Amino acid sequence: MVWDRGLTFEKLLEALLTYKKGLRYLHELGRLPAKKRATLRNINILLTALTNGLSISEAIECYSRFVETGEREHIVEASRSQGKVKPCVIPPFIDDVDTKIGDVKVKKYTIIGNTVRRYNVNTHTLKKAFTRYIKTLGIPTSITKPQTPEKAKTNIGKLKTIHEKLKTT
């Protein structure tokens, strides 16, 4: 698969977290310009997409709900699947400070374009990397597919288990 460049989940996660760490450092110094606050928000959305196997529009919905409610677990409407949903858990590297820094007015195509330019990867690569990663953990890849609301509720527990493993690594 040439389009995904064979990037692993771990490499993508490391790249996003490294960039986020630099932005958070600027924020702590009081030197994070408004434009970079939007970048931090976009990084958080990409982290949500990567750690849940979501499309960008699904990750935007999940992150927006987190900012509005403060709840970390959500069931979002699956894109391109009428009546189906997907489970979503906000990853442990996103905290309340992140939500106070950036606004939630998100443009899907801005995120997609910036990801292609900055990381030279297609945003679908995030989803594929997550699928390959959970396969190595022995977790069924069906948790990333559109499903019924009842099934999504049970799969939230599996995503939380994955996120707990990420916290320890």
Foldseek 3Di string as FASTA:
>chain_A
DVQLVPDALVVVVVVLVVVLVVQVVCVVVVNRDQVVLVVNVLSQLLVQCLLFLAASVQSLVQVVVCLVPVAFWDWGCHPPDPQWIAITGRAPVDDPVSSVSHDSPDDSVVSQVCCCVVVVHGSNSSNVNNLVVVVVVVDDSCNNPTHHPVVNVVCNVVSVVSRVVVVVD
